[in-house]
């Protein structure tokens, strides 16, 4: 029986740190895009969990793309200071 892929992202909204956990694969890369399509953050991970520092990123709405060797998941994220 295969395990359902779930990406946990918290807190949302975030102010200083954003914790990620993927339950069924290793995270290869994380990208954070603003609403205009500008790449704000690009980080290689190689683990099933990570903590992103977002304190220096301006408040706003962003799209978090998490790439694994199995798929790509995108989540809407709010950064609020």
C-alpha atoms as a PDB file:
ATOM      1  CA  UNK A   1       0.000   0.000   0.000  1.00  0.00           C
ATOM      2  CA  UNK A   2       1.470   3.381  -0.971  1.00  0.00           C
ATOM      3  CA  UNK A   3       1.648   6.289   1.405  1.00  0.00           C
ATOM      4  CA  UNK A   4      -0.161   9.514   0.454  1.00  0.00           C
ATOM      5  CA  UNK A   5       2.262  12.390  -0.089  1.00  0.00           C
ATOM      6  CA  UNK A   6       1.610  15.223   2.327  1.00  0.00           C
ATOM      7  CA  UNK A   7       3.582  18.446   2.709  1.00  0.00           C
ATOM      8  CA  UNK A   8       3.309  20.069   6.130  1.00  0.00           C
ATOM      9  CA  UNK A   9       4.073  23.810   6.233  1.00  0.00           C
ATOM     10  CA  UNK A  10       3.822  25.806   9.437  1.00  0.00           C
ATOM     11  CA  UNK A  11       3.239  28.379  10.669  1.00  0.00           C
ATOM     12  CA  UNK A  12       1.242  30.040   7.942  1.00  0.00           C
ATOM     13  CA  UNK A  13       1.301  33.024   8.209  1.00  0.00           C
ATOM     14  CA  UNK A  14       5.010  33.003   9.079  1.00  0.00           C
ATOM     15  CA  UNK A  15       7.104  35.827  10.481  1.00  0.00           C
ATOM     16  CA  UNK A  16      10.627  34.518  11.193  1.00  0.00           C
ATOM     17  CA  UNK A  17      10.834  30.807  10.339  1.00  0.00           C
ATOM     18  CA  UNK A  18       8.872  28.457   8.124  1.00  0.00           C
ATOM     19  CA  UNK A  19       9.077  24.731   8.914  1.00  0.00           C
ATOM     20  CA  UNK A  20       8.564  22.157   6.144  1.00  0.00           C
ATOM     21  CA  UNK A  21       8.076  18.409   6.430  1.00  0.00           C
ATOM     22  CA  UNK A  22       7.331  16.011   3.605  1.00  0.00           C
ATOM     23  CA  UNK A  23       6.051  12.641   4.772  1.00  0.00           C
ATOM     24  CA  UNK A  24       6.881  10.402   1.825  1.00  0.00           C
ATOM     25  CA  UNK A  25       9.979  11.684   0.005  1.00  0.00           C
ATOM     26  CA  UNK A  26      13.192  13.638   0.352  1.00  0.00           C
ATOM     27  CA  UNK A  27      12.909  17.360  -0.434  1.00  0.00           C
ATOM     28  CA  UNK A  28      15.427  18.216  -3.155  1.00  0.00           C
ATOM     29  CA  UNK A  29      14.763  21.911  -3.632  1.00  0.00           C
ATOM     30  CA  UNK A  30      12.595  24.690  -2.218  1.00  0.00           C
ATOM     31  CA  UNK A  31      11.726  27.879  -4.073  1.00  0.00           C
ATOM     32  CA  UNK A  32       9.739  30.874  -2.875  1.00  0.00           C
ATOM     33  CA  UNK A  33       8.100  33.094  -5.513  1.00  0.00           C
ATOM     34  CA  UNK A  34       6.315  36.408  -4.995  1.00  0.00           C
ATOM     35  CA  UNK A  35       2.958  37.097  -6.685  1.00  0.00           C
ATOM     36  CA  UNK A  36       4.660  38.843  -9.623  1.00  0.00           C
ATOM     37  CA  UNK A  37       6.664  35.675 -10.387  1.00  0.00           C
ATOM     38  CA  UNK A  38       9.997  36.879  -8.991  1.00  0.00           C
ATOM     39  CA  UNK A  39      12.130  34.177  -7.367  1.00  0.00           C
ATOM     40  CA  UNK A  40      12.764  35.295  -3.771  1.00  0.00           C
ATOM     41  CA  UNK A  41      14.446  32.198  -2.305  1.00  0.00           C
ATOM     42  CA  UNK A  42      16.035  29.089  -3.799  1.00  0.00           C
ATOM     43  CA  UNK A  43      17.482  26.432  -1.494  1.00  0.00           C
ATOM     44  CA  UNK A  44      18.755  22.867  -1.958  1.00  0.00           C
ATOM     45  CA  UNK A  45      17.618  20.639   0.941  1.00  0.00           C
ATOM     46  CA  UNK A  46      18.236  16.851   0.588  1.00  0.00           C
ATOM     47  CA  UNK A  47      16.165  15.921   3.672  1.00  0.00           C
ATOM     48  CA  UNK A  48      12.514  15.210   4.522  1.00  0.00           C
ATOM     49  CA  UNK A  49      12.273  18.393   6.607  1.00  0.00           C
ATOM     50  CA  UNK A  50      13.727  21.888   6.644  1.00  0.00           C
ATOM     51  CA  UNK A  51      13.436  25.276   8.315  1.00  0.00           C
ATOM     52  CA  UNK A  52      13.494  28.377   6.132  1.00  0.00           C
ATOM     53  CA  UNK A  53      14.492  31.754   7.548  1.00  0.00           C
ATOM     54  CA  UNK A  54      11.936  34.300   6.284  1.00  0.00           C
ATOM     55  CA  UNK A  55      12.570  37.225   8.657  1.00  0.00           C
ATOM     56  CA  UNK A  56      14.300  39.257   5.906  1.00  0.00           C
ATOM     57  CA  UNK A  57      11.594  38.630   3.312  1.00  0.00           C
ATOM     58  CA  UNK A  58       8.996  41.425   3.055  1.00  0.00           C
ATOM     59  CA  UNK A  59       5.449  40.788   4.253  1.00  0.00           C
ATOM     60  CA  UNK A  60       3.158  39.506   1.531  1.00  0.00           C
ATOM     61  CA  UNK A  61       1.734  36.519  -0.291  1.00  0.00           C
ATOM     62  CA  UNK A  62       4.165  34.000  -1.783  1.00  0.00           C
ATOM     63  CA  UNK A  63       4.109  30.629  -3.521  1.00  0.00           C
ATOM     64  CA  UNK A  64       6.321  27.928  -2.072  1.00  0.00           C
ATOM     65  CA  UNK A  65       7.413  25.223  -4.530  1.00  0.00           C
ATOM     66  CA  UNK A  66       8.810  22.032  -3.009  1.00  0.00           C
ATOM     67  CA  UNK A  67      10.470  19.614  -5.429  1.00  0.00           C
ATOM     68  CA  UNK A  68      11.183  15.981  -4.591  1.00  0.00           C
ATOM     69  CA  UNK A  69      12.394  13.145  -6.788  1.00  0.00           C
ATOM     70  CA  UNK A  70       8.715  12.124  -7.060  1.00  0.00           C
ATOM     71  CA  UNK A  71       6.814  15.364  -7.667  1.00  0.00           C
ATOM     72  CA  UNK A  72       6.417  19.118  -7.273  1.00  0.00           C
ATOM     73  CA  UNK A  73       4.069  20.618  -4.679  1.00  0.00           C
ATOM     74  CA  UNK A  74       3.142  24.315  -4.528  1.00  0.00           C
ATOM     75  CA  UNK A  75       1.573  25.977  -1.491  1.00  0.00           C
ATOM     76  CA  UNK A  76       0.364  29.549  -0.900  1.00  0.00           C
ATOM     77  CA  UNK A  77       2.307  31.134   1.961  1.00  0.00           C
ATOM     78  CA  UNK A  78       1.756  34.391   3.824  1.00  0.00           C
ATOM     79  CA  UNK A  79       4.683  36.199   5.426  1.00  0.00           C
ATOM     80  CA  UNK A  80       3.554  38.711   8.006  1.00  0.00           C
ATOM     81  CA  UNK A  81       5.862  40.804  10.235  1.00  0.00           C
END
